[in-house]
N, C-alpha and C. Protein backbone atom coordinates (compact mmCIF):
# COMPACT_ATOMS: atom_id res chain seq x y z
N UNK A 1 -7.86 -4.91 3.63
CA UNK A 1 -8.46 -5.88 2.71
C UNK A 1 -7.79 -7.21 2.96
N UNK A 2 -8.54 -8.18 3.37
CA UNK A 2 -7.98 -9.49 3.63
C UNK A 2 -7.60 -10.15 2.32
N UNK A 3 -6.39 -10.63 2.26
CA UNK A 3 -5.92 -11.25 1.03
C UNK A 3 -5.65 -12.71 1.32
N UNK A 4 -6.38 -13.58 0.66
CA UNK A 4 -6.29 -15.00 0.96
C UNK A 4 -5.65 -15.79 -0.16
N UNK A 5 -5.13 -15.09 -1.16
CA UNK A 5 -4.53 -15.83 -2.27
C UNK A 5 -3.27 -16.56 -1.83
N UNK A 6 -2.54 -15.95 -0.85
CA UNK A 6 -1.32 -16.59 -0.40
C UNK A 6 -1.62 -17.93 0.27
N UNK A 7 -2.62 -17.93 1.16
CA UNK A 7 -2.95 -19.18 1.83
C UNK A 7 -3.67 -20.14 0.91
N UNK A 8 -4.43 -19.58 -0.02
CA UNK A 8 -5.16 -20.44 -0.94
C UNK A 8 -4.22 -21.23 -1.82
N UNK A 9 -3.03 -20.70 -2.01
CA UNK A 9 -2.07 -21.38 -2.86
C UNK A 9 -1.43 -22.57 -2.16
N UNK A 10 -1.66 -22.69 -0.85
CA UNK A 10 -1.06 -23.77 -0.08
C UNK A 10 -2.11 -24.40 0.83
N UNK A 11 -3.13 -25.02 0.28
CA UNK A 11 -4.26 -25.50 1.09
C UNK A 11 -3.89 -26.64 2.01
N UNK A 12 -4.40 -26.58 3.23
CA UNK A 12 -4.27 -27.66 4.20
C UNK A 12 -5.64 -27.82 4.83
N UNK A 13 -6.13 -29.01 4.90
CA UNK A 13 -7.47 -29.24 5.40
C UNK A 13 -7.39 -29.90 6.77
N UNK A 14 -7.80 -29.17 7.80
CA UNK A 14 -7.74 -29.63 9.17
C UNK A 14 -9.14 -29.66 9.75
N UNK A 15 -9.27 -30.41 10.84
CA UNK A 15 -10.57 -30.51 11.46
C UNK A 15 -11.02 -29.24 12.13
N UNK A 16 -10.08 -28.31 12.37
CA UNK A 16 -10.40 -27.08 13.08
C UNK A 16 -11.12 -26.06 12.24
N UNK A 17 -11.36 -26.32 10.97
CA UNK A 17 -12.09 -25.38 10.13
C UNK A 17 -11.19 -24.64 9.17
N UNK A 18 -11.85 -23.81 8.36
CA UNK A 18 -11.15 -23.09 7.30
C UNK A 18 -10.10 -22.15 7.87
N UNK A 19 -10.45 -21.39 8.92
CA UNK A 19 -9.51 -20.42 9.49
C UNK A 19 -8.24 -21.11 9.99
N UNK A 20 -8.42 -22.24 10.69
CA UNK A 20 -7.27 -22.98 11.19
C UNK A 20 -6.42 -23.51 10.04
N UNK A 21 -7.09 -23.96 8.99
CA UNK A 21 -6.37 -24.49 7.84
C UNK A 21 -5.54 -23.40 7.18
N UNK A 22 -6.12 -22.21 7.07
CA UNK A 22 -5.39 -21.10 6.46
C UNK A 22 -4.20 -20.69 7.31
N UNK A 23 -4.39 -20.64 8.62
CA UNK A 23 -3.28 -20.27 9.51
C UNK A 23 -2.16 -21.29 9.44
N UNK A 24 -2.53 -22.56 9.43
CA UNK A 24 -1.53 -23.62 9.35
C UNK A 24 -0.80 -23.57 8.00
N UNK A 25 -1.53 -23.32 6.95
CA UNK A 25 -0.93 -23.25 5.63
C UNK A 25 0.07 -22.08 5.55
N UNK A 26 -0.34 -20.93 6.05
CA UNK A 26 0.54 -19.77 6.03
C UNK A 26 1.77 -20.01 6.91
N UNK A 27 1.57 -20.66 8.06
CA UNK A 27 2.70 -20.94 8.95
C UNK A 27 3.73 -21.83 8.27
N UNK A 28 3.26 -22.84 7.57
CA UNK A 28 4.17 -23.74 6.85
C UNK A 28 4.90 -23.00 5.72
N UNK A 29 4.17 -22.10 5.06
CA UNK A 29 4.77 -21.33 3.99
C UNK A 29 5.87 -20.43 4.54
N UNK A 30 5.62 -19.78 5.68
CA UNK A 30 6.61 -18.92 6.31
C UNK A 30 7.83 -19.72 6.74
N UNK A 31 7.60 -20.94 7.24
CA UNK A 31 8.72 -21.82 7.62
C UNK A 31 9.60 -22.13 6.42
N UNK A 32 8.98 -22.36 5.28
CA UNK A 32 9.75 -22.62 4.06
C UNK A 32 10.57 -21.40 3.66
N UNK A 33 9.98 -20.23 3.80
CA UNK A 33 10.71 -19.00 3.49
C UNK A 33 11.89 -18.82 4.45
N UNK A 34 11.64 -19.07 5.74
CA UNK A 34 12.69 -18.91 6.75
C UNK A 34 13.84 -19.88 6.52
N UNK A 35 13.55 -21.02 5.90
CA UNK A 35 14.57 -22.01 5.59
C UNK A 35 15.27 -21.72 4.25
N UNK A 36 14.98 -20.53 3.69
CA UNK A 36 15.58 -20.09 2.42
C UNK A 36 15.22 -21.02 1.27
N UNK A 37 13.97 -21.47 1.27
CA UNK A 37 13.47 -22.32 0.20
C UNK A 37 13.26 -21.45 -1.04
N UNK A 38 14.04 -21.70 -2.08
CA UNK A 38 13.98 -20.86 -3.27
C UNK A 38 12.62 -20.93 -3.95
N UNK A 39 12.01 -22.10 -3.97
CA UNK A 39 10.69 -22.24 -4.59
C UNK A 39 9.65 -21.43 -3.82
N UNK A 40 9.75 -21.44 -2.50
CA UNK A 40 8.81 -20.67 -1.69
C UNK A 40 8.97 -19.18 -1.97
N UNK A 41 10.21 -18.74 -2.11
CA UNK A 41 10.44 -17.33 -2.39
C UNK A 41 9.88 -16.95 -3.76
N UNK A 42 10.05 -17.82 -4.74
CA UNK A 42 9.49 -17.56 -6.06
C UNK A 42 7.96 -17.48 -6.00
N UNK A 43 7.35 -18.35 -5.19
CA UNK A 43 5.90 -18.32 -5.02
C UNK A 43 5.47 -17.00 -4.37
N UNK A 44 6.26 -16.55 -3.39
CA UNK A 44 5.96 -15.30 -2.71
C UNK A 44 5.98 -14.13 -3.69
N UNK A 45 7.01 -14.07 -4.52
CA UNK A 45 7.11 -13.00 -5.51
C UNK A 45 5.93 -13.04 -6.46
N UNK A 46 5.59 -14.24 -6.92
CA UNK A 46 4.47 -14.38 -7.85
C UNK A 46 3.16 -13.92 -7.23
N UNK A 47 2.99 -14.21 -5.95
CA UNK A 47 1.75 -13.85 -5.27
C UNK A 47 1.64 -12.35 -4.99
N UNK A 48 2.77 -11.71 -4.71
CA UNK A 48 2.71 -10.34 -4.20
C UNK A 48 3.32 -9.28 -5.11
N UNK A 49 3.97 -9.65 -6.19
CA UNK A 49 4.70 -8.66 -6.97
C UNK A 49 3.79 -7.55 -7.50
N UNK A 50 2.59 -7.90 -7.97
CA UNK A 50 1.69 -6.88 -8.50
C UNK A 50 1.24 -5.91 -7.42
N UNK A 51 0.85 -6.46 -6.27
CA UNK A 51 0.38 -5.60 -5.19
C UNK A 51 1.49 -4.72 -4.63
N UNK A 52 2.68 -5.29 -4.49
CA UNK A 52 3.81 -4.51 -3.97
C UNK A 52 4.17 -3.39 -4.93
N UNK A 53 4.24 -3.71 -6.22
CA UNK A 53 4.60 -2.67 -7.19
C UNK A 53 3.55 -1.57 -7.23
N UNK A 54 2.27 -1.95 -7.19
CA UNK A 54 1.20 -0.95 -7.20
C UNK A 54 1.31 -0.03 -5.99
N UNK A 55 1.59 -0.61 -4.83
CA UNK A 55 1.69 0.19 -3.61
C UNK A 55 2.88 1.14 -3.66
N UNK A 56 4.04 0.64 -4.03
CA UNK A 56 5.23 1.51 -4.01
C UNK A 56 5.15 2.56 -5.11
N UNK A 57 4.49 2.24 -6.22
CA UNK A 57 4.31 3.25 -7.27
C UNK A 57 3.42 4.37 -6.77
N UNK A 58 2.36 4.02 -6.06
CA UNK A 58 1.48 5.04 -5.51
C UNK A 58 2.18 5.87 -4.44
N UNK A 59 3.04 5.22 -3.66
CA UNK A 59 3.76 5.94 -2.62
C UNK A 59 4.83 6.86 -3.18
N UNK A 60 5.57 6.39 -4.19
CA UNK A 60 6.72 7.13 -4.70
C UNK A 60 6.39 8.00 -5.91
N UNK A 61 5.38 7.58 -6.71
CA UNK A 61 4.94 8.40 -7.82
C UNK A 61 5.82 8.34 -9.05
N UNK A 62 6.84 7.49 -9.05
CA UNK A 62 7.75 7.39 -10.19
C UNK A 62 8.01 5.93 -10.51
N UNK A 63 7.87 5.58 -11.77
CA UNK A 63 8.02 4.19 -12.18
C UNK A 63 9.45 3.68 -11.95
N UNK A 64 10.45 4.49 -12.28
CA UNK A 64 11.83 4.02 -12.10
C UNK A 64 12.13 3.75 -10.63
N UNK A 65 11.66 4.64 -9.76
CA UNK A 65 11.86 4.44 -8.33
C UNK A 65 11.07 3.22 -7.85
N UNK A 66 9.85 3.06 -8.36
CA UNK A 66 8.99 1.96 -7.92
C UNK A 66 9.57 0.61 -8.33
N UNK A 67 10.14 0.53 -9.52
CA UNK A 67 10.72 -0.73 -9.97
C UNK A 67 11.88 -1.15 -9.08
N UNK A 68 12.75 -0.19 -8.75
CA UNK A 68 13.87 -0.49 -7.86
C UNK A 68 13.37 -0.84 -6.46
N UNK A 69 12.38 -0.09 -5.99
CA UNK A 69 11.88 -0.31 -4.64
C UNK A 69 11.18 -1.65 -4.50
N UNK A 70 10.42 -2.06 -5.51
CA UNK A 70 9.73 -3.35 -5.45
C UNK A 70 10.75 -4.48 -5.30
N UNK A 71 11.84 -4.40 -6.02
CA UNK A 71 12.88 -5.41 -5.89
C UNK A 71 13.49 -5.39 -4.49
N UNK A 72 13.71 -4.18 -3.97
CA UNK A 72 14.30 -4.05 -2.64
C UNK A 72 13.37 -4.62 -1.56
N UNK A 73 12.06 -4.43 -1.75
CA UNK A 73 11.09 -4.97 -0.79
C UNK A 73 11.26 -6.48 -0.65
N UNK A 74 11.34 -7.18 -1.78
CA UNK A 74 11.45 -8.64 -1.72
C UNK A 74 12.80 -9.09 -1.19
N UNK A 75 13.84 -8.34 -1.48
CA UNK A 75 15.15 -8.66 -0.91
C UNK A 75 15.09 -8.56 0.61
N UNK A 76 14.50 -7.47 1.12
CA UNK A 76 14.41 -7.28 2.57
C UNK A 76 13.49 -8.30 3.23
N UNK A 77 12.42 -8.65 2.55
CA UNK A 77 11.51 -9.66 3.09
C UNK A 77 12.23 -11.00 3.22
N UNK A 78 12.98 -11.37 2.20
CA UNK A 78 13.70 -12.64 2.23
C UNK A 78 14.74 -12.64 3.34
N UNK A 79 15.39 -11.50 3.56
CA UNK A 79 16.40 -11.41 4.61
C UNK A 79 15.78 -11.47 6.01
N UNK A 80 14.60 -10.85 6.15
CA UNK A 80 14.02 -10.66 7.48
C UNK A 80 12.92 -11.65 7.83
N UNK A 81 12.54 -12.53 6.92
CA UNK A 81 11.37 -13.38 7.17
C UNK A 81 11.58 -14.28 8.38
N UNK A 82 12.80 -14.62 8.69
CA UNK A 82 13.05 -15.47 9.86
C UNK A 82 12.74 -14.75 11.16
N UNK A 83 12.65 -13.42 11.12
CA UNK A 83 12.32 -12.64 12.32
C UNK A 83 10.83 -12.36 12.42
N UNK A 84 10.06 -12.75 11.39
CA UNK A 84 8.61 -12.52 11.40
C UNK A 84 7.98 -13.38 12.48
N UNK A 85 7.31 -12.75 13.45
CA UNK A 85 6.78 -13.46 14.61
C UNK A 85 5.38 -14.03 14.38
N UNK A 86 4.76 -13.67 13.28
CA UNK A 86 3.43 -14.19 13.01
C UNK A 86 2.34 -13.50 13.79
N UNK A 87 2.62 -12.28 14.32
CA UNK A 87 1.60 -11.57 15.08
C UNK A 87 0.64 -10.80 14.18
N UNK A 88 0.83 -10.93 12.88
CA UNK A 88 -0.11 -10.38 11.90
C UNK A 88 -0.09 -11.29 10.69
N UNK A 89 -0.97 -11.02 9.74
CA UNK A 89 -0.95 -11.80 8.51
C UNK A 89 0.34 -11.51 7.75
N UNK A 90 0.78 -12.48 6.97
CA UNK A 90 1.97 -12.28 6.15
C UNK A 90 1.78 -11.09 5.22
N UNK A 91 0.59 -10.98 4.63
CA UNK A 91 0.32 -9.88 3.70
C UNK A 91 0.44 -8.53 4.40
N UNK A 92 -0.03 -8.44 5.65
CA UNK A 92 0.07 -7.19 6.40
C UNK A 92 1.53 -6.84 6.67
N UNK A 93 2.32 -7.83 7.02
CA UNK A 93 3.75 -7.61 7.27
C UNK A 93 4.45 -7.13 6.00
N UNK A 94 4.09 -7.70 4.87
CA UNK A 94 4.70 -7.29 3.60
C UNK A 94 4.34 -5.84 3.29
N UNK A 95 3.10 -5.45 3.54
CA UNK A 95 2.71 -4.06 3.38
C UNK A 95 3.54 -3.16 4.30
N UNK A 96 3.74 -3.59 5.54
CA UNK A 96 4.50 -2.79 6.50
C UNK A 96 5.94 -2.58 6.03
N UNK A 97 6.57 -3.65 5.56
CA UNK A 97 7.93 -3.54 5.04
C UNK A 97 7.96 -2.59 3.84
N UNK A 98 6.99 -2.73 2.95
CA UNK A 98 6.94 -1.90 1.74
C UNK A 98 6.79 -0.43 2.10
N UNK A 99 5.85 -0.14 2.99
CA UNK A 99 5.59 1.25 3.35
C UNK A 99 6.79 1.87 4.05
N UNK A 100 7.41 1.15 4.97
CA UNK A 100 8.55 1.69 5.69
C UNK A 100 9.73 1.97 4.76
N UNK A 101 9.98 1.08 3.82
CA UNK A 101 11.05 1.31 2.86
C UNK A 101 10.74 2.53 1.99
N UNK A 102 9.48 2.66 1.59
CA UNK A 102 9.08 3.81 0.77
C UNK A 102 9.25 5.13 1.54
N UNK A 103 8.86 5.13 2.80
CA UNK A 103 8.97 6.35 3.59
C UNK A 103 10.43 6.74 3.78
N UNK A 104 11.29 5.76 3.97
CA UNK A 104 12.72 6.05 4.07
C UNK A 104 13.26 6.63 2.76
N UNK A 105 12.79 6.07 1.66
CA UNK A 105 13.23 6.56 0.36
C UNK A 105 12.73 7.98 0.11
N UNK A 106 11.49 8.26 0.51
CA UNK A 106 10.94 9.59 0.31
C UNK A 106 11.72 10.63 1.12
N UNK A 107 12.16 10.26 2.31
CA UNK A 107 12.97 11.17 3.11
C UNK A 107 14.29 11.47 2.41
N UNK A 108 14.88 10.43 1.83
CA UNK A 108 16.13 10.60 1.10
C UNK A 108 15.93 11.51 -0.12
N UNK A 109 14.86 11.26 -0.86
CA UNK A 109 14.59 12.07 -2.05
C UNK A 109 14.30 13.52 -1.66
N UNK A 110 13.61 13.72 -0.54
CA UNK A 110 13.30 15.07 -0.09
C UNK A 110 14.57 15.82 0.25
N UNK A 111 15.53 15.12 0.87
CA UNK A 111 16.80 15.77 1.21
C UNK A 111 17.55 16.20 -0.05
N UNK A 112 17.35 15.47 -1.12
CA UNK A 112 18.03 15.81 -2.37
C UNK A 112 17.18 16.74 -3.25
N UNK A 113 16.06 17.19 -2.68
CA UNK A 113 15.15 18.10 -3.40
C UNK A 113 14.64 17.49 -4.70
N UNK A 114 14.53 16.16 -4.71
CA UNK A 114 14.06 15.50 -5.92
C UNK A 114 12.54 15.44 -5.97
N UNK A 115 11.92 15.36 -4.80
CA UNK A 115 10.49 15.08 -4.77
C UNK A 115 9.69 16.16 -5.48
N UNK A 116 10.10 17.43 -5.32
CA UNK A 116 9.36 18.50 -5.94
C UNK A 116 9.73 18.74 -7.38
N UNK A 117 10.86 18.18 -7.82
CA UNK A 117 11.34 18.44 -9.16
C UNK A 117 10.98 17.35 -10.14
N UNK A 118 10.84 16.13 -9.69
CA UNK A 118 10.61 15.01 -10.60
C UNK A 118 9.17 14.96 -11.03
N UNK A 119 8.97 14.78 -12.30
CA UNK A 119 7.62 14.73 -12.85
C UNK A 119 7.00 13.36 -12.59
N UNK A 120 5.73 13.37 -12.25
CA UNK A 120 5.02 12.11 -12.05
C UNK A 120 4.89 11.36 -13.36
N UNK A 121 4.78 10.04 -13.25
CA UNK A 121 4.57 9.23 -14.44
C UNK A 121 3.22 9.59 -15.07
N UNK A 122 3.10 9.50 -16.40
CA UNK A 122 1.80 9.71 -17.04
C UNK A 122 0.76 8.76 -16.46
N UNK A 123 -0.47 9.19 -16.48
CA UNK A 123 -1.55 8.39 -15.90
C UNK A 123 -1.56 6.98 -16.48
N UNK A 124 -1.35 6.86 -17.78
CA UNK A 124 -1.42 5.55 -18.43
C UNK A 124 -0.35 4.60 -17.91
N UNK A 125 0.74 5.17 -17.33
CA UNK A 125 1.83 4.33 -16.86
C UNK A 125 1.72 4.04 -15.37
N UNK A 126 0.74 4.64 -14.72
CA UNK A 126 0.60 4.48 -13.28
C UNK A 126 -0.54 3.53 -12.94
N UNK A 127 -0.53 3.05 -11.70
CA UNK A 127 -1.63 2.21 -11.25
C UNK A 127 -2.89 3.06 -11.25
N UNK A 128 -3.92 2.57 -11.90
CA UNK A 128 -5.14 3.36 -12.08
C UNK A 128 -5.85 3.61 -10.76
N UNK A 129 -6.27 4.84 -10.55
CA UNK A 129 -7.02 5.16 -9.34
C UNK A 129 -8.38 4.49 -9.33
N UNK A 130 -8.92 4.24 -10.53
CA UNK A 130 -10.26 3.66 -10.55
C UNK A 130 -10.26 2.19 -10.17
N UNK A 131 -9.07 1.63 -9.84
CA UNK A 131 -9.03 0.27 -9.32
C UNK A 131 -9.37 0.24 -7.84
N UNK A 132 -9.39 1.42 -7.22
CA UNK A 132 -9.65 1.48 -5.79
C UNK A 132 -11.04 0.95 -5.48
N UNK A 133 -11.17 0.34 -4.31
CA UNK A 133 -12.45 -0.24 -3.91
C UNK A 133 -13.38 0.84 -3.40
N UNK A 134 -14.65 0.47 -3.22
CA UNK A 134 -15.63 1.43 -2.75
C UNK A 134 -15.50 1.68 -1.26
N UNK A 135 -15.14 2.89 -0.89
CA UNK A 135 -15.00 3.28 0.50
C UNK A 135 -15.74 4.58 0.69
N UNK A 136 -16.53 4.70 1.74
CA UNK A 136 -17.32 5.90 1.97
C UNK A 136 -16.50 6.96 2.67
N UNK A 137 -16.50 8.16 2.12
CA UNK A 137 -15.78 9.27 2.71
C UNK A 137 -16.70 10.13 3.58
N UNK A 138 -17.97 9.88 3.57
CA UNK A 138 -18.89 10.79 4.22
C UNK A 138 -19.07 12.00 3.34
N UNK A 139 -18.72 13.18 3.86
CA UNK A 139 -18.87 14.42 3.10
C UNK A 139 -17.69 14.66 2.16
N UNK A 140 -16.65 13.85 2.29
CA UNK A 140 -15.46 14.04 1.45
C UNK A 140 -15.41 12.93 0.42
N UNK A 141 -15.38 13.29 -0.83
CA UNK A 141 -15.43 12.29 -1.90
C UNK A 141 -14.18 11.44 -1.91
N UNK A 142 -14.28 10.23 -2.48
CA UNK A 142 -13.12 9.38 -2.65
C UNK A 142 -12.15 10.03 -3.61
N UNK A 143 -10.85 9.82 -3.42
CA UNK A 143 -9.89 10.43 -4.34
C UNK A 143 -10.16 10.06 -5.79
N UNK A 144 -10.53 8.80 -6.03
CA UNK A 144 -10.69 8.37 -7.41
C UNK A 144 -12.07 8.70 -7.97
N UNK A 145 -12.96 9.28 -7.12
CA UNK A 145 -14.30 9.61 -7.62
C UNK A 145 -14.61 11.09 -7.47
N UNK A 146 -13.62 11.88 -7.14
CA UNK A 146 -13.86 13.31 -6.98
C UNK A 146 -14.38 13.91 -8.28
N UNK A 147 -13.72 13.62 -9.34
CA UNK A 147 -14.07 14.14 -10.64
C UNK A 147 -13.67 13.13 -11.68
N UNK A 148 -14.11 13.33 -12.89
CA UNK A 148 -13.81 12.38 -13.95
C UNK A 148 -12.93 13.04 -14.99
N UNK A 149 -12.22 12.22 -15.74
CA UNK A 149 -11.43 12.73 -16.84
C UNK A 149 -9.94 12.61 -16.60
N UNK A 150 -9.23 12.51 -17.66
CA UNK A 150 -7.78 12.31 -17.64
C UNK A 150 -7.06 13.41 -16.88
N UNK A 151 -7.34 14.67 -17.22
CA UNK A 151 -6.63 15.78 -16.60
C UNK A 151 -6.91 15.86 -15.11
N UNK A 152 -8.15 15.62 -14.72
CA UNK A 152 -8.51 15.72 -13.32
C UNK A 152 -7.87 14.58 -12.52
N UNK A 153 -7.85 13.40 -13.11
CA UNK A 153 -7.21 12.27 -12.43
C UNK A 153 -5.75 12.58 -12.17
N UNK A 154 -5.12 13.22 -13.14
CA UNK A 154 -3.71 13.57 -12.97
C UNK A 154 -3.52 14.58 -11.84
N UNK A 155 -4.44 15.53 -11.72
CA UNK A 155 -4.36 16.49 -10.63
C UNK A 155 -4.48 15.78 -9.29
N UNK A 156 -5.42 14.84 -9.20
CA UNK A 156 -5.60 14.09 -7.96
C UNK A 156 -4.33 13.31 -7.62
N UNK A 157 -3.72 12.67 -8.62
CA UNK A 157 -2.49 11.93 -8.39
C UNK A 157 -1.37 12.84 -7.90
N UNK A 158 -1.28 14.03 -8.50
CA UNK A 158 -0.26 14.97 -8.08
C UNK A 158 -0.49 15.42 -6.64
N UNK A 159 -1.75 15.65 -6.30
CA UNK A 159 -2.06 16.09 -4.95
C UNK A 159 -1.78 15.01 -3.92
N UNK A 160 -2.05 13.76 -4.26
CA UNK A 160 -1.71 12.66 -3.36
C UNK A 160 -0.20 12.62 -3.14
N UNK A 161 0.56 12.80 -4.22
CA UNK A 161 2.02 12.76 -4.14
C UNK A 161 2.58 13.92 -3.32
N UNK A 162 1.81 15.00 -3.20
CA UNK A 162 2.26 16.17 -2.44
C UNK A 162 1.95 16.06 -0.95
N UNK A 163 1.14 15.08 -0.56
CA UNK A 163 0.87 14.89 0.86
C UNK A 163 2.14 14.45 1.58
N UNK A 164 2.26 14.84 2.84
CA UNK A 164 3.38 14.37 3.64
C UNK A 164 3.30 12.85 3.75
N UNK A 165 4.45 12.17 3.85
CA UNK A 165 4.45 10.70 3.83
C UNK A 165 3.49 10.04 4.82
N UNK A 166 3.39 10.56 6.03
CA UNK A 166 2.50 9.94 7.03
C UNK A 166 1.04 10.01 6.62
N UNK A 167 0.65 11.09 5.96
CA UNK A 167 -0.72 11.24 5.50
C UNK A 167 -0.94 10.47 4.19
N UNK A 168 0.03 10.52 3.32
CA UNK A 168 -0.06 9.78 2.07
C UNK A 168 -0.20 8.29 2.36
N UNK A 169 0.53 7.81 3.34
CA UNK A 169 0.52 6.40 3.71
C UNK A 169 -0.88 5.90 4.04
N UNK A 170 -1.56 6.57 4.99
CA UNK A 170 -2.87 6.09 5.42
C UNK A 170 -3.92 6.26 4.33
N UNK A 171 -3.81 7.34 3.54
CA UNK A 171 -4.78 7.56 2.47
C UNK A 171 -4.68 6.46 1.42
N UNK A 172 -3.47 6.13 1.01
CA UNK A 172 -3.26 5.09 0.00
C UNK A 172 -3.69 3.73 0.52
N UNK A 173 -3.29 3.41 1.74
CA UNK A 173 -3.60 2.08 2.28
C UNK A 173 -5.10 1.88 2.47
N UNK A 174 -5.79 2.92 2.92
CA UNK A 174 -7.22 2.77 3.19
C UNK A 174 -8.08 2.96 1.94
N UNK A 175 -7.85 4.04 1.21
CA UNK A 175 -8.77 4.42 0.15
C UNK A 175 -8.39 3.89 -1.23
N UNK A 176 -7.15 3.52 -1.43
CA UNK A 176 -6.75 2.96 -2.72
C UNK A 176 -6.45 1.47 -2.61
N UNK A 177 -5.80 1.06 -1.51
CA UNK A 177 -5.54 -0.37 -1.32
C UNK A 177 -6.69 -1.07 -0.59
N UNK A 178 -7.61 -0.31 -0.02
CA UNK A 178 -8.82 -0.86 0.61
C UNK A 178 -8.53 -1.75 1.80
N UNK A 179 -7.50 -1.41 2.58
CA UNK A 179 -7.20 -2.17 3.78
C UNK A 179 -8.11 -1.72 4.92
N UNK A 180 -8.28 -2.59 5.91
CA UNK A 180 -9.13 -2.28 7.05
C UNK A 180 -8.39 -1.36 8.02
N UNK A 181 -9.14 -0.74 8.95
CA UNK A 181 -8.51 0.08 9.98
C UNK A 181 -7.59 -0.76 10.86
N UNK A 182 -7.99 -1.99 11.11
CA UNK A 182 -7.15 -2.87 11.91
C UNK A 182 -5.81 -3.12 11.22
N UNK A 183 -5.85 -3.35 9.91
CA UNK A 183 -4.62 -3.57 9.16
C UNK A 183 -3.78 -2.30 9.13
N UNK A 184 -4.43 -1.13 9.00
CA UNK A 184 -3.69 0.12 9.03
C UNK A 184 -2.96 0.30 10.36
N UNK A 185 -3.62 -0.05 11.45
CA UNK A 185 -3.00 0.07 12.76
C UNK A 185 -1.79 -0.86 12.88
N UNK A 186 -1.93 -2.07 12.34
CA UNK A 186 -0.82 -3.02 12.40
C UNK A 186 0.36 -2.57 11.55
N UNK A 187 0.06 -1.98 10.40
CA UNK A 187 1.12 -1.53 9.49
C UNK A 187 1.83 -0.30 10.02
N UNK A 188 1.05 0.67 10.51
CA UNK A 188 1.63 1.93 10.95
C UNK A 188 2.11 1.91 12.40
N UNK A 189 1.58 0.97 13.20
CA UNK A 189 1.91 0.93 14.62
C UNK A 189 1.17 1.99 15.42
N UNK A 190 0.13 2.57 14.82
CA UNK A 190 -0.63 3.62 15.48
C UNK A 190 -1.94 3.08 16.04
N UNK A 191 -2.46 3.68 17.12
CA UNK A 191 -3.78 3.30 17.63
C UNK A 191 -4.86 3.57 16.59
N UNK A 192 -5.95 2.84 16.70
CA UNK A 192 -7.05 2.97 15.75
C UNK A 192 -7.55 4.40 15.65
N UNK A 193 -7.70 5.07 16.79
CA UNK A 193 -8.20 6.44 16.79
C UNK A 193 -7.26 7.39 16.06
N UNK A 194 -5.96 7.19 16.24
CA UNK A 194 -4.97 8.04 15.56
C UNK A 194 -5.01 7.81 14.07
N UNK A 195 -5.17 6.55 13.65
CA UNK A 195 -5.27 6.23 12.22
C UNK A 195 -6.46 6.95 11.60
N UNK A 196 -7.61 6.88 12.26
CA UNK A 196 -8.82 7.51 11.72
C UNK A 196 -8.68 9.03 11.66
N UNK A 197 -8.07 9.60 12.70
CA UNK A 197 -7.87 11.05 12.72
C UNK A 197 -6.92 11.48 11.61
N UNK A 198 -5.84 10.74 11.43
CA UNK A 198 -4.86 11.08 10.39
C UNK A 198 -5.47 10.90 9.00
N UNK A 199 -6.29 9.87 8.85
CA UNK A 199 -6.93 9.64 7.56
C UNK A 199 -7.90 10.76 7.22
N UNK A 200 -8.68 11.19 8.22
CA UNK A 200 -9.63 12.28 7.98
C UNK A 200 -8.89 13.55 7.57
N UNK A 201 -7.79 13.82 8.22
CA UNK A 201 -7.01 15.01 7.89
C UNK A 201 -6.40 14.88 6.49
N UNK A 202 -5.93 13.68 6.16
CA UNK A 202 -5.35 13.46 4.82
C UNK A 202 -6.39 13.69 3.73
N UNK A 203 -7.61 13.18 3.95
CA UNK A 203 -8.68 13.37 2.98
C UNK A 203 -9.03 14.85 2.83
N UNK A 204 -9.07 15.55 3.96
CA UNK A 204 -9.40 16.98 3.92
C UNK A 204 -8.33 17.76 3.18
N UNK A 205 -7.06 17.45 3.45
CA UNK A 205 -5.97 18.15 2.77
C UNK A 205 -5.97 17.85 1.28
N UNK A 206 -6.26 16.60 0.93
CA UNK A 206 -6.31 16.23 -0.48
C UNK A 206 -7.41 16.99 -1.20
N UNK A 207 -8.59 17.00 -0.59
CA UNK A 207 -9.74 17.69 -1.20
C UNK A 207 -9.44 19.18 -1.38
N UNK A 208 -8.87 19.81 -0.35
CA UNK A 208 -8.56 21.23 -0.42
C UNK A 208 -7.52 21.52 -1.49
N UNK A 209 -6.53 20.65 -1.60
CA UNK A 209 -5.47 20.85 -2.58
C UNK A 209 -6.00 20.70 -4.01
N UNK A 210 -6.86 19.70 -4.21
CA UNK A 210 -7.46 19.51 -5.54
C UNK A 210 -8.32 20.71 -5.91
N UNK A 211 -9.12 21.18 -4.96
CA UNK A 211 -9.97 22.34 -5.20
C UNK A 211 -9.13 23.58 -5.53
N UNK A 212 -8.02 23.73 -4.84
CA UNK A 212 -7.15 24.89 -5.10
C UNK A 212 -6.57 24.83 -6.51
N UNK A 213 -6.12 23.64 -6.92
CA UNK A 213 -5.53 23.49 -8.25
C UNK A 213 -6.59 23.63 -9.35
N UNK A 214 -7.79 23.14 -9.08
CA UNK A 214 -8.84 23.16 -10.09
C UNK A 214 -9.59 24.50 -10.10
N UNK A 215 -9.49 25.24 -9.01
CA UNK A 215 -10.19 26.52 -8.95
C UNK A 215 -11.68 26.38 -8.77
N UNK A 216 -12.14 25.26 -8.22
CA UNK A 216 -13.57 25.06 -8.00
C UNK A 216 -13.80 24.07 -6.87
N UNK A 217 -14.96 24.17 -6.28
CA UNK A 217 -15.33 23.29 -5.17
C UNK A 217 -15.68 21.90 -5.70
N UNK A 218 -15.38 20.90 -4.87
CA UNK A 218 -15.74 19.52 -5.21
C UNK A 218 -16.80 19.05 -4.25
N UNK A 219 -17.84 18.48 -4.79
CA UNK A 219 -18.95 18.02 -3.94
C UNK A 219 -18.52 16.83 -3.11
């Protein structure tokens, strides 16, 4: 999902057109961040804090972990922004940093046997699945449209949390965050074909797991 709020917040009007203006605006913004401009960093947090928190909450499944992780994401971004080469959009790079930190944290939690023991946050406290954009699954329903109702939504959330990190990653980024396949490839470092194959498998595993827990087939 292309996110233009970051560039829109720093408009520059050039003769090369809107795309050139956006690229130039983002480049200048990144330069300010690399120079440790405190105002630029505050703008970055304001622009991305909601999206980052939503993503890490979906990845980790726990509000306390997500709150700490969201802060860590921005700390790492501020430390590493000078190394950002600009070979992708700033928003894509931020997603990549967020996902990688989450996956590292999930490995740590798995080693401590926390992942299977910790209860997921109540639905009301989590990022709503029904915020996900419209994406066609083909024969496999969208996670947020499989079934309706509070209890069923909670089952779907639990099943997403039970997916292995590599599968959870692509499912959340594509079907809940509504990112493009190109963005998924940039974030994961995987070829487009591998991303699509992994996503299809993630959707199939999710559907099967929900059906097993519910004791009925899902259309």
